[in-house]
Amino acid sequence: MAGPVQSIERAAAILRLLAGGPRRLGLGEVAASLGLAKGTTHGILRTLQHVDFVEQDAATGKYQLGAALLHLGTSYLDVNELRSRSINWADALAARSGGAVRLGAPLEGKVLIIHHVFRPDDTLQTLDVGALLPLHASSLGKVLLAFGTANVESALDAGLEAYTRHTLVDPEELTRALAEIRENGWAAEVQEMSMGDAGVAAPIRAHGGLSVGAIGVSGPVERICDATGRPQPKLLILLRDAARAISRDLGAARW
């Protein structure tokens, strides 16, 4: 019986290392962490980069997981499992925040709403389960793009449709916004899909720290944002606590 292939074992070790950390790693850091020669490490990284499993930052030369690998990471997780693990936390988030709560997963270049909890008030509301939202104009979609669950290049190739005058339709502006979302750990949408409405969302992670979906709170601008137009800090705390709780249930150890 043939033994393990050393190059594949080393490639897997590199991917695990990159998945386990919150930041990009340089060639020397990767090599030192795994006890490999720099030449060997560089060759494996170049191969992983060629198949889009690893990306290299042009400015720093450091490496992170690539979008192709992150996208593959969602395939093992059934959408129904994501929904079932999230229901109780989504219900609690709606009650505490006073907003509508939706769970989103990527589907064919859109955000598929897989669960929707109505706002806890008496206003008329429509169930959004099964609806498809644009990636670039929704807080759920921007989270999926920022954390690699949905493909940015595909979204740009499809075109950035303007839904209101606030929609991000310039690719460079969207790219900057996604970088800020990765830095903050959450995304906002203020009148970008419909006037008078706003929303915030955070990533849901599974085993290995891979982003597999998003959870968001939405409602009227005055309910979501403060006087400066920024999301209310208390709301962000509630949202991120719910996202962490769901992520832990899905096996994300870092949460």
Protein backbone atom coordinates (compact mmCIF):
# COMPACT_ATOMS: atom_id res chain seq x y z
CA MET A 1 0.00 0.00 0.00
CA ALA A 2 1.44 3.37 -1.03
CA GLY A 3 2.31 5.78 1.75
CA PRO A 4 1.33 9.43 2.05
CA VAL A 5 2.59 11.91 -0.54
CA GLN A 6 4.94 14.29 1.26
CA SER A 7 4.29 17.30 -0.95
CA ILE A 8 0.52 17.03 -0.39
CA GLU A 9 1.02 16.70 3.36
CA ARG A 10 3.16 19.84 3.34
CA ALA A 11 0.64 21.75 1.22
CA ALA A 12 -2.12 20.73 3.63
CA ALA A 13 -0.01 21.91 6.57
CA ILE A 14 0.49 25.30 4.92
CA LEU A 15 -3.25 25.67 4.27
CA ARG A 16 -4.04 24.77 7.89
CA LEU A 17 -1.50 27.31 9.10
CA LEU A 18 -2.98 30.09 6.96
CA ALA A 19 -6.53 29.14 8.01
CA GLY A 20 -5.65 29.15 11.69
CA GLY A 21 -4.36 32.69 11.94
CA PRO A 22 -6.08 36.08 11.80
CA ARG A 23 -3.42 37.69 9.56
CA ARG A 24 -1.34 37.14 6.44
CA LEU A 25 1.97 35.32 6.80
CA GLY A 26 5.27 35.88 5.03
CA LEU A 27 7.36 33.17 3.38
CA GLY A 28 9.82 33.08 6.28
CA GLU A 29 7.02 32.83 8.86
CA VAL A 30 5.41 29.92 7.04
CA ALA A 31 8.71 28.09 6.60
CA ALA A 32 9.77 28.60 10.22
CA SER A 33 6.39 27.56 11.64
CA LEU A 34 6.46 24.26 9.74
CA GLY A 35 10.19 23.59 9.88
CA LEU A 36 10.58 23.65 6.11
CA ALA A 37 13.26 25.11 3.88
CA LYS A 38 12.31 28.43 2.33
CA GLY A 39 12.85 27.07 -1.19
CA THR A 40 10.52 24.14 -0.57
CA THR A 41 7.94 26.39 1.05
CA HIS A 42 8.10 28.90 -1.79
CA GLY A 43 7.54 26.19 -4.39
CA ILE A 44 4.47 24.85 -2.60
CA LEU A 45 3.06 28.35 -2.09
CA ARG A 46 3.54 29.17 -5.77
CA THR A 47 1.68 26.00 -6.76
CA LEU A 48 -1.16 26.76 -4.34
CA GLN A 49 -1.28 30.30 -5.69
CA HIS A 50 -1.49 28.98 -9.26
CA VAL A 51 -4.70 27.08 -8.42
CA ASP A 52 -6.10 30.04 -6.42
CA PHE A 53 -5.92 28.20 -3.08
CA VAL A 54 -3.52 30.88 -1.81
CA GLU A 55 -3.28 34.60 -2.56
CA GLN A 56 -0.24 36.85 -2.18
CA ASP A 57 -0.63 40.49 -1.18
CA ALA A 58 1.05 42.60 -3.84
CA ALA A 59 2.18 45.27 -1.36
CA THR A 60 3.59 43.09 1.45
CA GLY A 61 4.34 39.81 -0.32
CA LYS A 62 2.52 37.94 2.44
CA TYR A 63 0.13 35.05 1.90
CA GLN A 64 -3.47 34.25 2.84
CA LEU A 65 -6.06 31.68 1.82
CA GLY A 66 -7.39 32.20 -1.69
CA ALA A 67 -10.99 32.76 -2.70
CA ALA A 68 -11.22 29.44 -4.54
CA LEU A 69 -10.38 27.45 -1.41
CA LEU A 70 -12.68 29.51 0.78
CA HIS A 71 -15.50 28.96 -1.68
CA LEU A 72 -14.90 25.21 -1.65
CA GLY A 73 -15.07 25.28 2.13
CA THR A 74 -18.79 25.95 2.03
CA SER A 75 -19.63 22.92 -0.09
CA TYR A 76 -19.56 20.41 2.77
CA LEU A 77 -21.92 22.42 4.89
CA ASP A 78 -25.55 21.83 4.06
CA VAL A 79 -27.61 25.03 4.01
CA ASN A 80 -30.21 23.31 6.19
CA GLU A 81 -27.58 22.69 8.86
CA LEU A 82 -26.55 26.33 8.77
CA ARG A 83 -30.18 27.32 9.20
CA SER A 84 -30.95 24.81 11.96
CA ARG A 85 -27.88 25.81 13.97
CA SER A 86 -28.80 29.48 13.67
CA ILE A 87 -32.53 29.57 14.38
CA ASN A 88 -32.44 30.03 18.17
CA TRP A 89 -29.71 32.66 18.00
CA ALA A 90 -31.53 34.53 15.19
CA ASP A 91 -34.76 34.59 17.20
CA ALA A 92 -32.93 35.96 20.24
CA LEU A 93 -31.14 38.59 18.14
CA ALA A 94 -34.42 39.86 16.69
CA ALA A 95 -35.94 40.13 20.17
CA ARG A 96 -32.94 41.98 21.60
CA SER A 97 -32.26 44.27 18.66
CA GLY A 98 -35.82 45.09 17.63
CA GLY A 99 -34.88 44.54 13.98
CA ALA A 100 -35.53 41.88 11.37
CA VAL A 101 -32.89 39.15 11.26
CA ARG A 102 -31.90 37.28 8.10
CA LEU A 103 -29.40 34.55 7.35
CA GLY A 104 -27.70 34.55 3.96
CA ALA A 105 -25.68 32.05 1.94
CA PRO A 106 -24.21 32.42 -1.56
CA LEU A 107 -26.12 31.12 -4.57
CA GLU A 108 -25.30 31.79 -8.23
CA GLY A 109 -23.82 35.24 -7.68
CA LYS A 110 -26.51 36.37 -5.24
CA VAL A 111 -27.36 36.11 -1.54
CA LEU A 112 -29.96 33.45 -0.81
CA ILE A 113 -32.03 34.21 2.28
CA ILE A 114 -32.30 30.91 4.14
CA HIS A 115 -33.98 32.16 7.33
CA HIS A 116 -35.89 35.33 8.24
CA VAL A 117 -37.14 36.46 11.64
CA PHE A 118 -39.64 39.33 11.53
CA ARG A 119 -39.16 42.53 13.51
CA PRO A 120 -40.90 42.15 16.89
CA ASP A 121 -43.49 44.86 16.19
CA ASP A 122 -46.90 45.12 14.56
CA THR A 123 -45.79 46.45 11.18
CA LEU A 124 -46.67 44.60 7.98
CA GLN A 125 -43.71 42.45 6.86
CA THR A 126 -43.07 40.03 4.02
CA LEU A 127 -41.22 36.76 4.48
CA ASP A 128 -37.94 36.87 2.56
CA VAL A 129 -36.94 33.19 2.78
CA GLY A 130 -35.90 32.09 -0.71
CA ALA A 131 -35.35 35.65 -1.91
CA LEU A 132 -32.12 36.54 -3.73
CA LEU A 133 -30.34 39.79 -2.83
CA PRO A 134 -27.48 41.50 -4.68
CA LEU A 135 -24.05 40.88 -3.22
CA HIS A 136 -22.72 44.42 -3.58
CA ALA A 137 -25.79 46.29 -2.30
CA SER A 138 -26.67 44.30 0.83
CA SER A 139 -24.82 44.00 4.12
CA LEU A 140 -25.18 40.21 3.95
CA GLY A 141 -23.72 40.14 0.45
CA LYS A 142 -20.82 42.42 1.30
CA VAL A 143 -19.88 40.11 4.16
CA LEU A 144 -19.92 37.11 1.80
CA LEU A 145 -17.70 38.99 -0.64
CA ALA A 146 -15.31 40.34 1.99
CA PHE A 147 -14.68 37.00 3.66
CA GLY A 148 -14.38 34.91 0.51
CA THR A 149 -17.69 33.04 0.69
CA ALA A 150 -18.72 34.64 -2.61
CA ASN A 151 -16.40 35.46 -5.49
CA VAL A 152 -15.55 39.14 -5.90
CA GLU A 153 -14.35 38.85 -9.51
CA SER A 154 -17.59 37.19 -10.58
CA ALA A 155 -19.59 39.97 -8.92
CA LEU A 156 -17.56 42.64 -10.70
CA ASP A 157 -17.84 40.85 -14.04
CA ALA A 158 -21.63 40.68 -13.63
CA GLY A 159 -21.78 44.46 -13.15
CA LEU A 160 -22.67 46.56 -10.12
CA GLU A 161 -26.27 47.65 -10.57
CA ALA A 162 -27.39 50.90 -8.92
CA TYR A 163 -30.49 50.43 -6.76
CA THR A 164 -30.32 53.89 -5.16
CA ARG A 165 -27.94 56.83 -5.38
CA HIS A 166 -26.05 55.32 -2.42
CA THR A 167 -25.29 51.96 -4.04
CA LEU A 168 -21.59 51.18 -4.51
CA VAL A 169 -21.21 50.83 -8.27
CA ASP A 170 -17.52 51.73 -8.66
CA PRO A 171 -15.29 48.61 -8.44
CA GLU A 172 -12.52 50.50 -6.64
CA GLU A 173 -14.94 51.85 -4.03
CA LEU A 174 -16.35 48.37 -3.48
CA THR A 175 -12.85 46.91 -3.14
CA ARG A 176 -11.97 49.53 -0.50
CA ALA A 177 -15.23 48.87 1.32
CA LEU A 178 -14.55 45.12 1.41
CA ALA A 179 -11.08 45.71 2.87
CA GLU A 180 -12.65 47.83 5.62
CA ILE A 181 -15.23 45.11 6.30
CA ARG A 182 -12.47 42.53 6.76
CA GLU A 183 -10.75 44.91 9.16
CA ASN A 184 -13.91 45.66 11.18
CA GLY A 185 -15.47 42.19 11.10
CA TRP A 186 -18.87 43.48 9.99
CA ALA A 187 -20.58 45.19 7.05
CA ALA A 188 -23.15 47.96 6.84
CA GLU A 189 -25.71 48.86 4.20
CA VAL A 190 -27.31 52.31 4.54
CA GLN A 191 -29.97 53.03 1.92
CA GLU A 192 -27.96 51.15 -0.70
CA MET A 193 -30.75 48.80 -1.76
CA SER A 194 -33.82 50.84 -0.81
CA MET A 195 -34.21 54.35 0.53
CA GLY A 196 -35.02 54.59 4.22
CA ASP A 197 -33.69 51.12 5.04
CA ALA A 198 -30.40 50.01 6.54
CA GLY A 199 -28.73 46.85 7.76
CA VAL A 200 -25.62 45.37 9.36
CA ALA A 201 -24.22 41.87 8.98
CA ALA A 202 -21.38 39.68 10.28
CA PRO A 203 -19.80 36.45 9.03
CA ILE A 204 -20.73 32.99 10.28
CA ARG A 205 -17.75 30.66 10.39
CA ALA A 206 -17.42 26.89 10.56
CA HIS A 207 -14.62 24.40 11.23
CA GLY A 208 -11.23 25.85 10.35
CA GLY A 209 -12.51 29.41 10.61
CA LEU A 210 -13.89 29.46 7.07
CA SER A 211 -16.79 31.84 6.46
CA VAL A 212 -19.88 29.88 5.37
CA GLY A 213 -22.65 32.46 5.57
CA ALA A 214 -23.77 35.70 7.15
CA ILE A 215 -26.29 36.92 9.71
CA GLY A 216 -27.73 40.42 9.56
CA VAL A 217 -30.13 42.83 11.24
CA SER A 218 -32.16 45.23 9.10
CA GLY A 219 -34.80 47.88 9.54
CA PRO A 220 -35.46 51.61 9.16
CA VAL A 221 -32.33 53.78 9.10
CA GLU A 222 -33.22 55.47 12.38
CA ARG A 223 -33.45 52.09 14.12
CA ILE A 224 -30.13 50.76 12.76
CA CYS A 225 -27.96 53.90 12.70
CA ASP A 226 -27.12 56.64 15.17
CA ALA A 227 -27.25 60.38 14.50
CA THR A 228 -23.98 60.25 12.55
CA GLY A 229 -25.28 57.60 10.16
CA ARG A 230 -23.06 54.87 11.63
CA PRO A 231 -24.50 51.57 12.91
CA GLN A 232 -25.39 51.75 16.58
CA PRO A 233 -22.56 50.26 18.71
CA LYS A 234 -24.99 48.29 20.90
CA LEU A 235 -26.51 46.70 17.79
CA LEU A 236 -23.08 45.69 16.52
CA ILE A 237 -22.29 44.01 19.84
CA LEU A 238 -25.54 42.02 19.72
CA LEU A 239 -24.93 41.06 16.09
CA ARG A 240 -21.36 39.90 16.59
CA ASP A 241 -22.26 37.97 19.74
CA ALA A 242 -24.90 36.07 17.76
CA ALA A 243 -22.47 35.40 14.89
CA ARG A 244 -19.86 34.07 17.31
CA ALA A 245 -22.39 31.82 19.04
CA ILE A 246 -23.54 30.29 15.75
CA SER A 247 -19.93 29.90 14.63
CA ARG A 248 -19.06 28.02 17.82
CA ASP A 249 -22.00 25.70 17.22
CA LEU A 250 -20.63 25.02 13.73
CA GLY A 251 -17.20 24.10 15.09
CA ALA A 252 -15.25 27.31 14.60
CA ALA A 253 -12.72 26.91 17.40
CA ARG A 254 -11.28 30.42 17.09
CA TRP A 255 -14.62 31.88 18.08
